[in-house]
Amino acid sequence: MLLYLGVPFSISESGQAAWGNSYKDYVRSVELLTNEHSALADFTPIDQAMNQFIQRQGIVGASLGIVKDGKLVYAKGFGLTDQETEQAVQPHHLFRIGSVSKLITAVAIMKLREEGYLQMDEPVFGETGILNTEPYQGIKDKKHYKVTVEHLLNHTGGWSKRSFGDPLFIPLRIADAMETEGTPDLDNIIKFILSKNLPYRPGTRYDYSNFGYCLLGRVIEAKSGMSYEDFVKTEILSPLGITNMHLAKNRPEDRFENEVSYYDLSSNNMRPDMYGSGELVSNAYSFNIEALSAAGGWVATSADLMKFLVAVDGFKNSPDILSNESLLDMIETKGGRPYGWRSAKVGGTWWRTGTLAGTSALVKRHQDGTSWVILANTSNHRSRYFTGRISYIMQKELSQLDNWPEHDLFSLSYYQ
């Protein structure tokens, strides 16, 4: 048990060493999901539609998971994990999920609020703020002292990409400004931003902010006494039986076992190495995803994301990890912008996108108890049509599916 400000903070015993063993030991101990588990005749139209989709979109590899009434009825990979090895994608392969990570972070914040460790109107900065140590001291503009937890959640913290772009994607500029060697870490990025004027008064203007969600990761650390990753794994993922989600690494050689390679196939897809070598690298590996962390840093399988989703979907056929009140608060917010979700309305569809160079992701939760996720390891000039096109395909195919299988792939040892 940990203590924060003298208050006991519990850690779920089930998650103490769930990810401590090697991946090879993990594989030997469970039955991994494969494409064969979803090789049913009723799903043939979906298989065909997905194969056509990735070919027309120029996607190297993708993974699709479908849930019906709390059961994982379909989990399948398409295309290749890597163009060099030509290995086929299986549903146990890991993908970067981009800003779908924000939904995970928002749930973690709500978990802390439920347990009484923070409030939405708490100030983030200043002497009485949650973040009041290094590197949060060099604040130039006093408007920063008005930023609250809720402002970070609904993208109204006052920052604007119009100032100098998204600070999470200009590593060389920040490295030069902060006089650091190699790519700047999140501490450097925070110091850089806090040394600038805040364009808007907090709470007055929506401006999508990766930086705000990175700060939420730091809020979670300050309130729990744990690292952001450990808190999410221990208090949210492990109780759900999810043991193979991680924060991504920057370099391609540091990918996790069973993690796919990433491809930006658009024009002008080479960028200067963020570590300052002067060499050009693929845009998919040109930004600091380790600093992006709580805003866009998770890697996951499509099946694991579905397992997480059914724990926050509000349906009665499976237990949720948050109370109904918290789930409703994430949807019906004061400012009209949901927490974590890209769009969500009571009685309607909830969805969340995730887009990075080399990554395209979409999660959708429908009111009829059907939810699905698609993860892709590719970005290109067609990526702007990714969300609309796959949403149309899935709506069409799922509406024509007459016989839903009775099986539940969540019952495999993979989740036990």
Protein backbone atom coordinates (compact mmCIF):
# COMPACT_ATOMS: atom_id res chain seq x y z
CA MET A 1 0.00 0.00 0.00
CA LEU A 2 1.27 3.45 -0.95
CA LEU A 3 0.78 6.70 0.92
CA TYR A 4 0.11 9.99 -0.79
CA LEU A 5 -0.11 13.00 1.53
CA GLY A 6 -0.70 10.52 4.35
CA VAL A 7 -3.67 8.87 2.63
CA PRO A 8 -3.49 5.12 1.88
CA PHE A 9 -3.63 4.26 -1.82
CA SER A 10 -4.46 0.68 -2.72
CA ILE A 11 -2.91 -1.39 -5.48
CA SER A 12 -4.86 -4.30 -6.93
CA GLU A 13 -3.06 -7.46 -5.84
CA SER A 14 -4.00 -9.17 -9.12
CA GLY A 15 -1.70 -6.87 -11.04
CA GLN A 16 1.47 -7.01 -8.99
CA ALA A 17 3.58 -9.01 -11.45
CA ALA A 18 1.25 -9.58 -14.37
CA TRP A 19 3.70 -8.06 -16.84
CA GLY A 20 6.90 -8.90 -14.99
CA ASN A 21 7.66 -12.16 -16.80
CA SER A 22 9.20 -12.34 -20.25
CA TYR A 23 6.90 -12.32 -23.23
CA LYS A 24 8.03 -15.84 -24.14
CA ASP A 25 6.96 -17.08 -20.70
CA TYR A 26 3.67 -15.26 -21.16
CA VAL A 27 3.06 -16.90 -24.55
CA ARG A 28 3.71 -20.35 -23.10
CA SER A 29 1.19 -19.77 -20.32
CA VAL A 30 -1.80 -18.67 -22.40
CA GLU A 31 -3.71 -19.52 -25.53
CA LEU A 32 -3.04 -16.59 -27.84
CA LEU A 33 -5.77 -15.37 -30.15
CA THR A 34 -5.22 -16.28 -33.79
CA ASN A 35 -7.16 -15.66 -36.99
CA GLU A 36 -8.44 -19.22 -36.82
CA HIS A 37 -10.56 -18.39 -33.77
CA SER A 38 -12.72 -16.13 -35.98
CA ALA A 39 -12.75 -18.27 -39.12
CA LEU A 40 -16.54 -18.61 -39.31
CA ALA A 41 -18.66 -18.62 -42.46
CA ASP A 42 -20.94 -15.87 -41.14
CA PHE A 43 -17.94 -13.54 -40.99
CA THR A 44 -16.80 -14.16 -44.59
CA PRO A 45 -18.36 -10.89 -45.89
CA ILE A 46 -16.49 -8.93 -43.21
CA ASP A 47 -13.24 -10.71 -44.09
CA GLN A 48 -13.72 -9.84 -47.76
CA ALA A 49 -14.65 -6.22 -47.02
CA MET A 50 -11.59 -5.79 -44.80
CA ASN A 51 -9.22 -7.26 -47.39
CA GLN A 52 -10.62 -4.89 -50.01
CA PHE A 53 -10.40 -1.96 -47.59
CA ILE A 54 -6.72 -2.38 -46.73
CA GLN A 55 -5.82 -2.88 -50.38
CA ARG A 56 -7.69 0.24 -51.54
CA GLN A 57 -6.38 2.30 -48.63
CA GLY A 58 -2.81 1.15 -49.19
CA ILE A 59 -2.56 -0.27 -45.65
CA VAL A 60 0.28 -2.68 -44.90
CA GLY A 61 -1.37 -4.37 -41.93
CA ALA A 62 -4.48 -4.02 -39.75
CA SER A 63 -6.34 -5.68 -36.89
CA LEU A 64 -10.11 -5.72 -36.32
CA GLY A 65 -12.01 -6.64 -33.16
CA ILE A 66 -15.80 -6.83 -32.75
CA VAL A 67 -17.84 -7.10 -29.55
CA LYS A 68 -21.53 -7.93 -29.29
CA ASP A 69 -23.31 -7.62 -25.95
CA GLY A 70 -20.07 -7.78 -23.99
CA LYS A 71 -18.66 -10.79 -25.88
CA LEU A 72 -15.64 -10.69 -28.17
CA VAL A 73 -17.08 -12.47 -31.18
CA TYR A 74 -14.44 -11.56 -33.76
CA ALA A 75 -10.72 -10.74 -33.68
CA LYS A 76 -8.68 -10.96 -36.85
CA GLY A 77 -5.57 -9.58 -38.53
CA PHE A 78 -5.15 -8.55 -42.15
CA GLY A 79 -2.09 -7.85 -44.24
CA LEU A 80 1.46 -7.83 -42.91
CA THR A 81 3.15 -6.91 -39.65
CA ASP A 82 6.34 -6.08 -41.55
CA GLN A 83 7.06 -5.67 -45.26
CA GLU A 84 10.49 -7.27 -44.92
CA THR A 85 9.49 -10.45 -43.08
CA GLU A 86 6.03 -10.61 -44.71
CA GLN A 87 4.58 -12.03 -41.50
CA ALA A 88 0.77 -12.13 -41.49
CA VAL A 89 -1.02 -10.03 -38.86
CA GLN A 90 -2.68 -12.02 -36.09
CA PRO A 91 -5.05 -10.59 -33.46
CA HIS A 92 -2.35 -10.95 -30.80
CA HIS A 93 -0.07 -8.45 -32.58
CA LEU A 94 0.50 -5.09 -30.91
CA PHE A 95 -0.19 -1.77 -32.65
CA ARG A 96 0.30 1.83 -31.65
CA ILE A 97 -3.14 3.27 -30.90
CA GLY A 98 -2.41 7.02 -31.03
CA SER A 99 -4.98 9.24 -29.36
CA VAL A 100 -7.17 6.32 -28.34
CA SER A 101 -4.71 6.54 -25.43
CA LYS A 102 -6.58 9.66 -24.29
CA LEU A 103 -9.60 7.55 -23.44
CA ILE A 104 -7.43 5.37 -21.21
CA THR A 105 -6.01 8.45 -19.50
CA ALA A 106 -9.44 9.99 -18.97
CA VAL A 107 -10.68 6.76 -17.36
CA ALA A 108 -7.64 6.78 -15.05
CA ILE A 109 -8.44 10.35 -13.99
CA MET A 110 -12.07 9.41 -13.29
CA LYS A 111 -10.85 6.43 -11.27
CA LEU A 112 -8.81 8.75 -9.05
CA ARG A 113 -11.76 11.10 -8.69
CA GLU A 114 -14.06 8.24 -7.65
CA GLU A 115 -11.61 7.26 -4.93
CA GLY A 116 -11.44 10.84 -3.65
CA TYR A 117 -7.92 11.72 -4.76
CA LEU A 118 -8.76 14.66 -7.02
CA GLN A 119 -11.51 16.99 -8.17
CA MET A 120 -12.24 18.37 -11.63
CA ASP A 121 -11.82 21.98 -10.51
CA GLU A 122 -8.42 21.51 -8.85
CA PRO A 123 -5.72 23.85 -10.14
CA VAL A 124 -2.91 22.14 -11.99
CA PHE A 125 -0.15 24.73 -11.41
CA GLY A 126 0.94 27.09 -8.66
CA GLU A 127 1.78 26.69 -4.98
CA THR A 128 -1.55 24.99 -4.24
CA GLY A 129 -1.66 23.20 -7.59
CA ILE A 130 -1.21 19.50 -8.21
CA LEU A 131 2.02 20.05 -10.16
CA ASN A 132 4.09 22.46 -8.09
CA THR A 133 7.65 21.11 -8.24
CA GLU A 134 10.23 20.95 -11.01
CA PRO A 135 9.72 21.31 -13.96
CA TYR A 136 6.61 23.41 -13.26
CA GLN A 137 8.30 26.45 -11.70
CA GLY A 138 9.24 28.64 -14.66
CA ILE A 139 5.75 29.88 -15.45
CA LYS A 140 5.82 33.11 -17.45
CA ASP A 141 2.11 33.78 -17.92
CA LYS A 142 -0.06 33.83 -14.77
CA LYS A 143 -3.04 32.57 -16.78
CA HIS A 144 -1.49 29.13 -16.35
CA TYR A 145 -2.51 29.25 -12.68
CA LYS A 146 -6.16 29.09 -13.78
CA VAL A 147 -5.77 25.74 -15.58
CA THR A 148 -7.79 22.96 -13.91
CA VAL A 149 -7.97 19.20 -14.35
CA GLU A 150 -11.20 19.59 -16.29
CA HIS A 151 -9.58 22.04 -18.69
CA LEU A 152 -6.97 19.40 -19.51
CA LEU A 153 -9.65 16.77 -20.04
CA ASN A 154 -11.77 18.82 -22.45
CA HIS A 155 -8.96 20.59 -24.35
CA THR A 156 -9.68 24.08 -23.00
CA GLY A 157 -6.39 24.65 -21.15
CA GLY A 158 -5.64 27.75 -23.20
CA TRP A 159 -2.83 26.44 -25.42
CA SER A 160 -2.98 26.76 -29.19
CA LYS A 161 -1.16 24.92 -31.97
CA ARG A 162 -1.23 28.21 -33.89
CA SER A 163 1.56 29.52 -31.66
CA PHE A 164 4.33 27.22 -32.91
CA GLY A 165 2.66 23.91 -33.76
CA ASP A 166 2.06 20.90 -31.56
CA PRO A 167 4.94 20.86 -29.02
CA LEU A 168 4.97 17.04 -29.04
CA PHE A 169 5.95 17.02 -32.71
CA ILE A 170 8.69 19.67 -32.90
CA PRO A 171 11.51 17.89 -31.03
CA LEU A 172 14.42 19.56 -32.80
CA ARG A 173 13.03 23.06 -32.33
CA ILE A 174 12.51 22.46 -28.61
CA ALA A 175 15.92 20.80 -28.27
CA ASP A 176 17.49 23.91 -29.79
CA ALA A 177 15.49 26.28 -27.59
CA MET A 178 16.21 24.32 -24.41
CA GLU A 179 19.82 23.59 -25.40
CA THR A 180 19.42 19.86 -24.83
CA GLU A 181 21.31 17.03 -26.47
CA GLY A 182 19.18 14.50 -28.30
CA THR A 183 15.41 14.54 -28.33
CA PRO A 184 13.76 16.55 -25.54
CA ASP A 185 11.90 14.54 -22.92
CA LEU A 186 8.54 15.58 -21.48
CA ASP A 187 10.20 17.65 -18.75
CA ASN A 188 11.95 19.74 -21.42
CA ILE A 189 8.72 20.14 -23.36
CA ILE A 190 6.85 21.27 -20.23
CA LYS A 191 9.53 23.83 -19.38
CA PHE A 192 9.44 25.11 -22.95
CA ILE A 193 5.65 25.60 -22.92
CA LEU A 194 5.49 27.15 -19.45
CA SER A 195 8.09 29.72 -20.48
CA LYS A 196 5.68 31.04 -23.12
CA ASN A 197 2.53 33.13 -22.97
CA LEU A 198 -0.76 31.25 -22.78
CA PRO A 199 -2.75 32.29 -25.89
CA TYR A 200 -6.22 31.98 -24.31
CA ARG A 201 -7.76 32.23 -20.88
CA PRO A 202 -8.33 28.66 -19.61
CA GLY A 203 -11.87 27.41 -20.08
CA THR A 204 -12.80 29.86 -22.82
CA ARG A 205 -11.71 28.14 -26.02
CA TYR A 206 -11.48 24.57 -27.33
CA ASP A 207 -8.15 23.77 -28.97
CA TYR A 208 -7.20 20.09 -29.24
CA SER A 209 -4.16 19.57 -27.03
CA ASN A 210 -1.86 16.58 -26.80
CA PHE A 211 0.13 18.61 -24.29
CA GLY A 212 -2.85 18.84 -21.95
CA TYR A 213 -3.23 15.06 -21.85
CA CYS A 214 0.50 14.61 -21.24
CA LEU A 215 0.00 16.80 -18.19
CA LEU A 216 -2.87 14.56 -17.09
CA GLY A 217 -0.35 11.72 -17.02
CA ARG A 218 1.73 13.79 -14.62
CA VAL A 219 -1.38 14.57 -12.54
CA ILE A 220 -2.00 10.82 -12.21
CA GLU A 221 1.58 10.31 -11.05
CA ALA A 222 1.38 13.12 -8.50
CA LYS A 223 -1.90 11.88 -7.04
CA SER A 224 -1.10 8.16 -6.96
CA GLY A 225 2.62 8.13 -6.15
CA MET A 226 3.07 5.69 -9.05
CA SER A 227 4.28 6.11 -12.60
CA TYR A 228 1.50 6.79 -15.08
CA GLU A 229 2.06 3.46 -16.82
CA ASP A 230 2.11 1.46 -13.59
CA PHE A 231 -1.08 3.11 -12.33
CA VAL A 232 -2.97 2.34 -15.54
CA LYS A 233 -1.70 -1.23 -15.66
CA THR A 234 -2.31 -1.94 -11.98
CA GLU A 235 -5.60 -0.19 -11.35
CA ILE A 236 -7.34 -0.47 -14.73
CA LEU A 237 -5.86 -3.01 -17.12
CA SER A 238 -4.75 -5.86 -14.87
CA PRO A 239 -8.13 -6.20 -13.09
CA LEU A 240 -9.63 -6.69 -16.56
CA GLY A 241 -7.15 -9.43 -17.44
CA ILE A 242 -5.22 -7.18 -19.83
CA THR A 243 -1.50 -7.81 -19.32
CA ASN A 244 0.07 -7.00 -22.69
CA MET A 245 -0.51 -3.28 -23.18
CA HIS A 246 2.50 -0.97 -22.85
CA LEU A 247 3.76 2.53 -23.53
CA ALA A 248 5.53 2.56 -26.89
CA LYS A 249 9.23 3.09 -27.51
CA ASN A 250 10.75 5.56 -29.97
CA ARG A 251 13.24 3.48 -31.93
CA PRO A 252 12.07 0.70 -34.25
CA GLU A 253 14.59 -1.70 -32.74
CA ASP A 254 12.99 -1.18 -29.31
CA ARG A 255 9.54 -2.39 -30.33
CA PHE A 256 7.92 -5.02 -28.12
CA GLU A 257 7.81 -8.64 -29.12
CA ASN A 258 4.85 -9.16 -31.44
CA GLU A 259 4.62 -5.43 -32.18
CA VAL A 260 4.18 -4.48 -35.83
CA SER A 261 6.37 -2.13 -37.87
CA TYR A 262 5.00 1.28 -38.89
CA TYR A 263 4.84 2.87 -42.32
CA ASP A 264 4.18 6.40 -43.50
CA LEU A 265 3.69 5.94 -47.24
CA SER A 266 2.68 9.50 -48.02
CA SER A 267 4.86 11.83 -50.05
CA ASN A 268 7.58 13.76 -48.20
CA ASN A 269 7.58 11.04 -45.55
CA MET A 270 11.15 11.45 -44.34
CA ARG A 271 12.08 13.73 -41.43
CA PRO A 272 15.29 14.71 -39.62
CA ASP A 273 16.24 12.27 -36.86
CA MET A 274 14.84 13.58 -33.56
CA TYR A 275 18.08 12.58 -31.81
CA GLY A 276 20.02 15.14 -33.82
CA SER A 277 22.13 12.80 -35.94
CA GLY A 278 21.36 14.80 -39.06
CA GLU A 279 20.09 11.71 -40.85
CA LEU A 280 16.63 11.40 -42.37
CA VAL A 281 14.29 8.77 -40.90
CA SER A 282 10.76 7.60 -41.65
CA ASN A 283 8.18 10.04 -40.37
CA ALA A 284 6.69 7.13 -38.40
CA TYR A 285 9.79 7.20 -36.18
CA SER A 286 10.56 10.92 -36.25
CA PHE A 287 8.62 12.01 -33.15
CA ASN A 288 9.00 11.25 -29.45
CA ILE A 289 6.18 8.82 -28.70
CA GLU A 290 7.71 8.18 -25.28
CA ALA A 291 7.01 11.83 -24.39
CA LEU A 292 3.53 11.56 -25.95
CA SER A 293 2.72 8.89 -23.31
CA ALA A 294 -0.71 9.69 -21.80
CA ALA A 295 -1.80 11.56 -24.93
CA GLY A 296 -0.95 8.92 -27.52
CA GLY A 297 1.69 6.48 -26.36
CA TRP A 298 -0.01 3.12 -25.79
CA VAL A 299 0.40 -0.04 -27.86
CA ALA A 300 -2.31 -2.69 -27.73
CA THR A 301 -4.03 -5.50 -29.57
CA SER A 302 -7.49 -4.94 -30.99
CA ALA A 303 -8.82 -7.60 -28.61
CA ASP A 304 -7.32 -5.90 -25.56
CA LEU A 305 -8.86 -2.57 -26.57
CA MET A 306 -12.22 -4.29 -26.85
CA LYS A 307 -11.72 -5.76 -23.38
CA PHE A 308 -11.04 -2.25 -22.08
CA LEU A 309 -14.00 -0.80 -23.98
CA VAL A 310 -16.58 -3.19 -22.55
CA ALA A 311 -15.45 -2.06 -19.09
CA VAL A 312 -16.34 1.57 -19.86
CA ASP A 313 -19.29 1.21 -22.23
CA GLY A 314 -22.09 1.54 -19.66
CA PHE A 315 -23.91 -1.60 -20.79
CA LYS A 316 -25.27 -3.98 -18.15
CA ASN A 317 -24.06 -7.23 -19.77
CA SER A 318 -20.54 -6.76 -18.39
CA PRO A 319 -19.28 -4.96 -15.28
CA ASP A 320 -17.74 -1.52 -15.73
CA ILE A 321 -14.57 -0.34 -14.06
CA LEU A 322 -16.17 3.03 -13.30
CA SER A 323 -19.52 3.88 -11.75
CA ASN A 324 -22.47 4.83 -13.94
CA GLU A 325 -22.17 8.36 -12.56
CA SER A 326 -18.56 8.66 -13.69
CA LEU A 327 -19.29 7.23 -17.13
CA LEU A 328 -22.14 9.69 -17.53
CA ASP A 329 -19.95 12.56 -16.34
CA MET A 330 -17.44 11.70 -19.08
CA ILE A 331 -20.21 12.14 -21.65
CA GLU A 332 -22.34 14.98 -20.28
CA THR A 333 -19.62 17.50 -19.40
CA LYS A 334 -20.08 21.13 -18.46
CA GLY A 335 -18.39 22.39 -21.58
CA GLY A 336 -20.11 19.95 -23.91
CA ARG A 337 -16.85 18.19 -24.78
CA PRO A 338 -16.57 14.57 -23.58
CA TYR A 339 -13.60 13.40 -21.56
CA GLY A 340 -11.33 11.08 -23.53
CA TRP A 341 -13.85 10.35 -26.28
CA ARG A 342 -13.71 12.29 -29.55
CA SER A 343 -17.49 12.37 -29.65
CA ALA A 344 -20.08 10.77 -27.38
CA LYS A 345 -23.73 11.38 -26.60
CA VAL A 346 -26.14 9.59 -24.31
CA GLY A 347 -28.21 7.24 -26.44
CA GLY A 348 -25.89 7.64 -29.40
CA THR A 349 -22.59 6.42 -30.81
CA TRP A 350 -19.35 6.94 -28.88
CA TRP A 351 -16.13 7.00 -30.84
CA ARG A 352 -12.44 7.75 -30.53
CA THR A 353 -9.82 8.14 -33.25
CA GLY A 354 -6.05 7.72 -33.08
CA THR A 355 -3.82 9.14 -35.79
CA LEU A 356 -0.03 9.33 -35.98
CA ALA A 357 2.47 8.98 -38.78
CA GLY A 358 2.37 5.23 -39.34
CA THR A 359 -0.79 4.74 -37.26
CA SER A 360 -4.52 4.87 -37.94
CA ALA A 361 -7.01 3.73 -35.29
CA LEU A 362 -10.73 3.97 -34.64
CA VAL A 363 -12.89 2.71 -31.75
CA LYS A 364 -16.70 2.81 -31.96
CA ARG A 365 -19.37 1.90 -29.41
CA HIS A 366 -22.94 1.68 -30.73
CA GLN A 367 -26.15 1.85 -28.75
CA ASP A 368 -27.25 -1.61 -29.94
CA GLY A 369 -24.49 -3.31 -27.94
CA THR A 370 -22.12 -3.62 -30.88
CA SER A 371 -18.62 -2.17 -30.58
CA TRP A 372 -15.54 -2.50 -32.75
CA VAL A 373 -11.98 -1.32 -33.16
CA ILE A 374 -9.62 -1.21 -36.11
CA LEU A 375 -5.87 -0.62 -35.80
CA ALA A 376 -3.56 -0.07 -38.78
CA ASN A 377 0.22 0.28 -39.04
CA THR A 378 0.09 2.66 -42.01
CA SER A 379 -0.56 6.28 -42.88
CA ASN A 380 -0.63 7.75 -46.39
CA HIS A 381 -2.46 10.30 -48.51
CA ARG A 382 -5.63 8.21 -48.21
CA SER A 383 -5.62 8.36 -44.40
CA ARG A 384 -7.95 11.37 -44.40
CA TYR A 385 -10.69 9.01 -45.62
CA PHE A 386 -9.85 6.24 -43.13
CA THR A 387 -12.50 6.99 -40.49
CA GLY A 388 -15.37 7.68 -42.85
CA ARG A 389 -14.69 4.77 -45.15
CA ILE A 390 -14.24 2.09 -42.51
CA SER A 391 -17.27 3.38 -40.57
CA TYR A 392 -19.41 3.00 -43.69
CA ILE A 393 -18.09 -0.51 -44.32
CA MET A 394 -18.64 -1.69 -40.75
CA GLN A 395 -22.13 -0.22 -40.54
CA LYS A 396 -23.08 -1.98 -43.77
CA GLU A 397 -21.55 -5.36 -42.89
CA LEU A 398 -22.73 -5.51 -39.28
CA SER A 399 -26.29 -4.58 -40.26
CA GLN A 400 -26.36 -7.56 -42.62
CA LEU A 401 -25.04 -10.04 -40.07
CA ASP A 402 -28.02 -12.22 -39.18
CA ASN A 403 -26.40 -14.87 -37.00
CA TRP A 404 -24.18 -13.65 -34.19
CA PRO A 405 -21.96 -16.43 -32.79
CA GLU A 406 -22.49 -17.58 -29.22
CA HIS A 407 -18.78 -17.88 -28.45
CA ASP A 408 -16.84 -15.34 -26.41
CA LEU A 409 -13.14 -15.05 -27.22
CA PHE A 410 -12.68 -13.24 -23.92
CA SER A 411 -13.11 -16.68 -22.29
CA LEU A 412 -9.77 -17.89 -23.68
CA SER A 413 -6.88 -18.32 -21.24
CA TYR A 414 -5.45 -15.13 -22.77
CA TYR A 415 -7.78 -13.24 -20.40
CA GLN A 416 -7.76 -15.56 -17.41
